[in-house]
Amino acid sequence: MKESVVIDSTCLIGLERIGQLELLPALFEPILIPPEVQREFGMSLSWLTVETPADQALVVCPFNLFP
């Protein structure tokens, strides 16, 4: 049984650039991304599930560490 995972755009963009996106569905299911990641990545893939986080307080942006 595969484990579920939530990924960010860095992972998607990096794997796409080296031609290895197929690693994700081979290892994980479901693969969840927030709508903002979908926008940043710019591609729709059948194995990606776009889902808005239920608790926005749990969403961490590493570039906004000191609001």
PDB file of N, CA and C in Angstrom:
ATOM      1  N   MET A   1       0.835  -1.189   0.000  1.00  0.00           N
ATOM      2  CA  MET A   1       0.000   0.000   0.000  1.00  0.00           C
ATOM      3  C   MET A   1       0.875   1.246   0.000  1.00  0.00           C
ATOM      4  N   LYS A   2       0.553   2.183  -0.875  1.00  0.00           N
ATOM      5  CA  LYS A   2       1.307   3.432  -0.975  1.00  0.00           C
ATOM      6  C   LYS A   2       0.819   4.415   0.083  1.00  0.00           C
ATOM      7  N   GLU A   3       1.710   5.295   0.504  1.00  0.00           N
ATOM      8  CA  GLU A   3       1.357   6.321   1.480  1.00  0.00           C
ATOM      9  C   GLU A   3       0.935   7.595   0.772  1.00  0.00           C
ATOM     10  N   SER A   4       0.079   8.358   1.433  1.00  0.00           N
ATOM     11  CA  SER A   4      -0.323   9.649   0.890  1.00  0.00           C
ATOM     12  C   SER A   4       0.759  10.674   1.201  1.00  0.00           C
ATOM     13  N   VAL A   5       0.771  11.742   0.417  1.00  0.00           N
ATOM     14  CA  VAL A   5       1.779  12.781   0.594  1.00  0.00           C
ATOM     15  C   VAL A   5       1.207  14.115   0.132  1.00  0.00           C
ATOM     16  N   VAL A   6       1.646  15.182   0.805  1.00  0.00           N
ATOM     17  CA  VAL A   6       1.345  16.547   0.375  1.00  0.00           C
ATOM     18  C   VAL A   6       2.674  17.130  -0.079  1.00  0.00           C
ATOM     19  N   ILE A   7       2.713  17.621  -1.301  1.00  0.00           N
ATOM     20  CA  ILE A   7       3.976  18.130  -1.835  1.00  0.00           C
ATOM     21  C   ILE A   7       3.850  19.590  -2.231  1.00  0.00           C
ATOM     22  N   ASP A   8       5.007  20.228  -2.391  1.00  0.00           N
ATOM     23  CA  ASP A   8       5.025  21.631  -2.801  1.00  0.00           C
ATOM     24  C   ASP A   8       5.522  21.746  -4.240  1.00  0.00           C
ATOM     25  N   SER A   9       5.512  22.962  -4.748  1.00  0.00           N
ATOM     26  CA  SER A   9       5.886  23.178  -6.144  1.00  0.00           C
ATOM     27  C   SER A   9       7.367  22.914  -6.399  1.00  0.00           C
ATOM     28  N   THR A  10       8.219  23.091  -5.397  1.00  0.00           N
ATOM     29  CA  THR A  10       9.645  22.839  -5.575  1.00  0.00           C
ATOM     30  C   THR A  10       9.886  21.395  -5.991  1.00  0.00           C
ATOM     31  N   CYS A  11       9.223  20.488  -5.341  1.00  0.00           N
ATOM     32  CA  CYS A  11       9.340  19.067  -5.658  1.00  0.00           C
ATOM     33  C   CYS A  11       8.872  18.796  -7.092  1.00  0.00           C
ATOM     34  N   LEU A  12       7.714  19.311  -7.441  1.00  0.00           N
ATOM     35  CA  LEU A  12       7.165  19.088  -8.778  1.00  0.00           C
ATOM     36  C   LEU A  12       8.049  19.692  -9.860  1.00  0.00           C
ATOM     37  N   ILE A  13       8.467  20.925  -9.671  1.00  0.00           N
ATOM     38  CA  ILE A  13       9.286  21.609 -10.672  1.00  0.00           C
ATOM     39  C   ILE A  13      10.638  20.914 -10.833  1.00  0.00           C
ATOM     40  N   GLY A  14      11.258  20.553  -9.720  1.00  0.00           N
ATOM     41  CA  GLY A  14      12.560  19.882  -9.773  1.00  0.00           C
ATOM     42  C   GLY A  14      12.490  18.553 -10.494  1.00  0.00           C
ATOM     43  N   LEU A  15      11.497  17.731 -10.145  1.00  0.00           N
ATOM     44  CA  LEU A  15      11.360  16.432 -10.803  1.00  0.00           C
ATOM     45  C   LEU A  15      10.997  16.580 -12.278  1.00  0.00           C
ATOM     46  N   GLU A  16      10.197  17.575 -12.599  1.00  0.00           N
ATOM     47  CA  GLU A  16       9.827  17.808 -14.002  1.00  0.00           C
ATOM     48  C   GLU A  16      11.061  18.200 -14.817  1.00  0.00           C
ATOM     49  N   ARG A  17      11.909  19.018 -14.254  1.00  0.00           N
ATOM     50  CA  ARG A  17      13.114  19.473 -14.976  1.00  0.00           C
ATOM     51  C   ARG A  17      14.086  18.349 -15.271  1.00  0.00           C
ATOM     52  N   ILE A  18      14.127  17.339 -14.414  1.00  0.00           N
ATOM     53  CA  ILE A  18      15.035  16.218 -14.667  1.00  0.00           C
ATOM     54  C   ILE A  18      14.307  15.013 -15.275  1.00  0.00           C
ATOM     55  N   GLY A  19      13.054  15.220 -15.665  1.00  0.00           N
ATOM     56  CA  GLY A  19      12.296  14.182 -16.337  1.00  0.00           C
ATOM     57  C   GLY A  19      11.928  12.994 -15.458  1.00  0.00           C
ATOM     58  N   GLN A  20      11.692  13.255 -14.175  1.00  0.00           N
ATOM     59  CA  GLN A  20      11.418  12.164 -13.242  1.00  0.00           C
ATOM     60  C   GLN A  20      10.102  12.318 -12.485  1.00  0.00           C
ATOM     61  N   LEU A  21       9.141  13.019 -13.047  1.00  0.00           N
ATOM     62  CA  LEU A  21       7.846  13.187 -12.380  1.00  0.00           C
ATOM     63  C   LEU A  21       7.168  11.854 -12.085  1.00  0.00           C
ATOM     64  N   GLU A  22       7.426  10.847 -12.900  1.00  0.00           N
ATOM     65  CA  GLU A  22       6.760   9.557 -12.713  1.00  0.00           C
ATOM     66  C   GLU A  22       7.155   8.870 -11.407  1.00  0.00           C
ATOM     67  N   LEU A  23       8.210   9.359 -10.748  1.00  0.00           N
ATOM     68  CA  LEU A  23       8.592   8.795  -9.449  1.00  0.00           C
ATOM     69  C   LEU A  23       7.497   9.005  -8.399  1.00  0.00           C
ATOM     70  N   LEU A  24       6.842  10.144  -8.452  1.00  0.00           N
ATOM     71  CA  LEU A  24       5.841  10.457  -7.427  1.00  0.00           C
ATOM     72  C   LEU A  24       4.682   9.460  -7.407  1.00  0.00           C
ATOM     73  N   PRO A  25       3.981   9.233  -8.526  1.00  0.00           N
ATOM     74  CA  PRO A  25       2.874   8.271  -8.460  1.00  0.00           C
ATOM     75  C   PRO A  25       3.349   6.825  -8.276  1.00  0.00           C
ATOM     76  N   ALA A  26       4.601   6.563  -8.576  1.00  0.00           N
ATOM     77  CA  ALA A  26       5.127   5.215  -8.343  1.00  0.00           C
ATOM     78  C   ALA A  26       5.315   4.955  -6.848  1.00  0.00           C
ATOM     79  N   LEU A  27       5.541   6.029  -6.072  1.00  0.00           N
ATOM     80  CA  LEU A  27       5.826   5.889  -4.644  1.00  0.00           C
ATOM     81  C   LEU A  27       4.671   6.269  -3.725  1.00  0.00           C
ATOM     82  N   PHE A  28       3.819   7.201  -4.166  1.00  0.00           N
ATOM     83  CA  PHE A  28       2.784   7.756  -3.287  1.00  0.00           C
ATOM     84  C   PHE A  28       1.414   7.742  -3.946  1.00  0.00           C
ATOM     85  N   GLU A  29       0.390   7.628  -3.085  1.00  0.00           N
ATOM     86  CA  GLU A  29      -0.988   7.749  -3.542  1.00  0.00           C
ATOM     87  C   GLU A  29      -1.890   7.908  -2.333  1.00  0.00           C
ATOM     88  N   PRO A  30      -2.703   8.918  -2.256  1.00  0.00           N
ATOM     89  CA  PRO A  30      -2.828  10.019  -3.201  1.00  0.00           C
ATOM     90  C   PRO A  30      -1.699  11.038  -3.030  1.00  0.00           C
ATOM     91  N   ILE A  31      -1.549  11.876  -4.045  1.00  0.00           N
ATOM     92  CA  ILE A  31      -0.579  12.972  -4.015  1.00  0.00           C
ATOM     93  C   ILE A  31      -1.397  14.256  -3.998  1.00  0.00           C
ATOM     94  N   LEU A  32      -1.322  14.950  -2.870  1.00  0.00           N
ATOM     95  CA  LEU A  32      -2.143  16.145  -2.663  1.00  0.00           C
ATOM     96  C   LEU A  32      -1.306  17.405  -2.819  1.00  0.00           C
ATOM     97  N   ILE A  33      -1.914  18.410  -3.435  1.00  0.00           N
ATOM     98  CA  ILE A  33      -1.280  19.726  -3.535  1.00  0.00           C
ATOM     99  C   ILE A  33      -2.333  20.793  -3.257  1.00  0.00           C
ATOM    100  N   PRO A  34      -1.934  21.880  -2.599  1.00  0.00           N
ATOM    101  CA  PRO A  34      -2.856  23.008  -2.413  1.00  0.00           C
ATOM    102  C   PRO A  34      -3.033  23.762  -3.740  1.00  0.00           C
ATOM    103  N   PRO A  35      -4.102  24.525  -3.876  1.00  0.00           N
ATOM    104  CA  PRO A  35      -4.338  25.288  -5.108  1.00  0.00           C
ATOM    105  C   PRO A  35      -3.167  26.200  -5.494  1.00  0.00           C
ATOM    106  N   GLU A  36      -2.506  26.789  -4.528  1.00  0.00           N
ATOM    107  CA  GLU A  36      -1.385  27.680  -4.831  1.00  0.00           C
ATOM    108  C   GLU A  36      -0.238  26.915  -5.482  1.00  0.00           C
ATOM    109  N   VAL A  37      -0.012  25.687  -5.065  1.00  0.00           N
ATOM    110  CA  VAL A  37       1.027  24.854  -5.687  1.00  0.00           C
ATOM    111  C   VAL A  37       0.637  24.552  -7.130  1.00  0.00           C
ATOM    112  N   GLN A  38      -0.632  24.252  -7.375  1.00  0.00           N
ATOM    113  CA  GLN A  38      -1.111  24.018  -8.740  1.00  0.00           C
ATOM    114  C   GLN A  38      -0.836  25.240  -9.609  1.00  0.00           C
ATOM    115  N   ARG A  39      -1.110  26.423  -9.072  1.00  0.00           N
ATOM    116  CA  ARG A  39      -0.884  27.658  -9.830  1.00  0.00           C
ATOM    117  C   ARG A  39       0.603  27.833 -10.135  1.00  0.00           C
ATOM    118  N   GLU A  40       1.462  27.623  -9.144  1.00  0.00           N
ATOM    119  CA  GLU A  40       2.899  27.787  -9.330  1.00  0.00           C
ATOM    120  C   GLU A  40       3.466  26.764 -10.310  1.00  0.00           C
ATOM    121  N   PHE A  41       3.010  25.519 -10.223  1.00  0.00           N
ATOM    122  CA  PHE A  41       3.517  24.460 -11.093  1.00  0.00           C
ATOM    123  C   PHE A  41       3.014  24.635 -12.526  1.00  0.00           C
ATOM    124  N   GLY A  42       1.761  25.020 -12.668  1.00  0.00           N
ATOM    125  CA  GLY A  42       1.213  25.349 -13.977  1.00  0.00           C
ATOM    126  C   GLY A  42       0.814  24.175 -14.860  1.00  0.00           C
ATOM    127  N   MET A  43       0.857  22.959 -14.331  1.00  0.00           N
ATOM    128  CA  MET A  43       0.462  21.784 -15.111  1.00  0.00           C
ATOM    129  C   MET A  43      -0.563  20.981 -14.316  1.00  0.00           C
ATOM    130  N   SER A  44      -1.512  20.384 -15.044  1.00  0.00           N
ATOM    131  CA  SER A  44      -2.462  19.470 -14.415  1.00  0.00           C
ATOM    132  C   SER A  44      -2.054  18.051 -14.766  1.00  0.00           C
ATOM    133  N   LEU A  45      -1.944  17.215 -13.773  1.00  0.00           N
ATOM    134  CA  LEU A  45      -1.601  15.811 -13.986  1.00  0.00           C
ATOM    135  C   LEU A  45      -2.689  14.957 -13.354  1.00  0.00           C
ATOM    136  N   SER A  46      -3.047  13.875 -14.006  1.00  0.00           N
ATOM    137  CA  SER A  46      -4.179  13.062 -13.546  1.00  0.00           C
ATOM    138  C   SER A  46      -3.982  12.512 -12.137  1.00  0.00           C
ATOM    139  N   TRP A  47      -2.753  12.319 -11.719  1.00  0.00           N
ATOM    140  CA  TRP A  47      -2.490  11.733 -10.409  1.00  0.00           C
ATOM    141  C   TRP A  47      -2.321  12.773  -9.299  1.00  0.00           C
ATOM    142  N   LEU A  48      -2.410  14.045  -9.632  1.00  0.00           N
ATOM    143  CA  LEU A  48      -2.356  15.112  -8.615  1.00  0.00           C
ATOM    144  C   LEU A  48      -3.770  15.464  -8.165  1.00  0.00           C
ATOM    145  N   THR A  49      -3.971  15.546  -6.870  1.00  0.00           N
ATOM    146  CA  THR A  49      -5.262  15.954  -6.315  1.00  0.00           C
ATOM    147  C   THR A  49      -5.096  17.331  -5.684  1.00  0.00           C
ATOM    148  N   VAL A  50      -5.797  18.307  -6.231  1.00  0.00           N
ATOM    149  CA  VAL A  50      -5.746  19.668  -5.702  1.00  0.00           C
ATOM    150  C   VAL A  50      -6.775  19.774  -4.589  1.00  0.00           C
ATOM    151  N   GLU A  51      -6.323  20.180  -3.414  1.00  0.00           N
ATOM    152  CA  GLU A  51      -7.213  20.260  -2.256  1.00  0.00           C
ATOM    153  C   GLU A  51      -6.817  21.457  -1.394  1.00  0.00           C
ATOM    154  N   THR A  52      -7.800  22.257  -1.034  1.00  0.00           N
ATOM    155  CA  THR A  52      -7.559  23.395  -0.153  1.00  0.00           C
ATOM    156  C   THR A  52      -7.376  22.885   1.276  1.00  0.00           C
ATOM    157  N   PRO A  53      -6.307  23.309   1.953  1.00  0.00           N
ATOM    158  CA  PRO A  53      -6.100  22.866   3.343  1.00  0.00           C
ATOM    159  C   PRO A  53      -7.286  23.269   4.220  1.00  0.00           C
ATOM    160  N   ALA A  54      -7.758  22.337   5.033  1.00  0.00           N
ATOM    161  CA  ALA A  54      -8.908  22.591   5.900  1.00  0.00           C
ATOM    162  C   ALA A  54      -8.572  23.582   7.009  1.00  0.00           C
ATOM    163  N   ASP A  55      -7.340  23.560   7.492  1.00  0.00           N
ATOM    164  CA  ASP A  55      -6.918  24.451   8.568  1.00  0.00           C
ATOM    165  C   ASP A  55      -5.777  25.324   8.073  1.00  0.00           C
ATOM    166  N   GLN A  56      -6.104  26.529   7.661  1.00  0.00           N
ATOM    167  CA  GLN A  56      -5.098  27.447   7.113  1.00  0.00           C
ATOM    168  C   GLN A  56      -4.014  27.799   8.122  1.00  0.00           C
ATOM    169  N   ALA A  57      -4.296  27.643   9.397  1.00  0.00           N
ATOM    170  CA  ALA A  57      -3.301  27.936  10.428  1.00  0.00           C
ATOM    171  C   ALA A  57      -2.139  26.949  10.374  1.00  0.00           C
ATOM    172  N   LEU A  58      -2.347  25.788   9.780  1.00  0.00           N
ATOM    173  CA  LEU A  58      -1.286  24.784   9.678  1.00  0.00           C
ATOM    174  C   LEU A  58      -0.401  24.971   8.448  1.00  0.00           C
ATOM    175  N   VAL A  59      -0.787  25.886   7.565  1.00  0.00           N
ATOM    176  CA  VAL A  59      -0.008  26.136   6.356  1.00  0.00           C
ATOM    177  C   VAL A  59       1.166  27.035   6.722  1.00  0.00           C
ATOM    178  N   VAL A  60       2.358  26.560   6.421  1.00  0.00           N
ATOM    179  CA  VAL A  60       3.574  27.308   6.745  1.00  0.00           C
ATOM    180  C   VAL A  60       4.249  27.732   5.459  1.00  0.00           C
ATOM    181  N   CYS A  61       4.590  28.984   5.394  1.00  0.00           N
ATOM    182  CA  CYS A  61       5.345  29.514   4.261  1.00  0.00           C
ATOM    183  C   CYS A  61       6.752  29.814   4.744  1.00  0.00           C
ATOM    184  N   PRO A  62       7.764  29.097   4.229  1.00  0.00           N
ATOM    185  CA  PRO A  62       9.126  29.294   4.722  1.00  0.00           C
ATOM    186  C   PRO A  62       9.690  30.681   4.430  1.00  0.00           C
ATOM    187  N   PHE A  63       9.058  31.431   3.538  1.00  0.00           N
ATOM    188  CA  PHE A  63       9.558  32.756   3.215  1.00  0.00           C
ATOM    189  C   PHE A  63       8.892  33.835   4.053  1.00  0.00           C
ATOM    190  N   ASN A  64       7.998  33.446   4.942  1.00  0.00           N
ATOM    191  CA  ASN A  64       7.308  34.406   5.793  1.00  0.00           C
ATOM    192  C   ASN A  64       7.478  33.975   7.250  1.00  0.00           C
ATOM    193  N   LEU A  65       8.714  33.693   7.621  1.00  0.00           N
ATOM    194  CA  LEU A  65       8.989  33.202   8.974  1.00  0.00           C
ATOM    195  C   LEU A  65       8.800  34.276  10.037  1.00  0.00           C
ATOM    196  N   PHE A  66       8.987  35.522   9.661  1.00  0.00           N
ATOM    197  CA  PHE A  66       8.885  36.610  10.626  1.00  0.00           C
ATOM    198  C   PHE A  66       7.899  37.643  10.121  1.00  0.00           C
ATOM    199  N   PRO A  67       6.589  37.384  10.347  1.00  0.00           N
ATOM    200  CA  PRO A  67       5.559  38.300   9.830  1.00  0.00           C
ATOM    201  C   PRO A  67       5.609  39.673  10.441  1.00  0.00           C
TER     202      PRO A  67
END
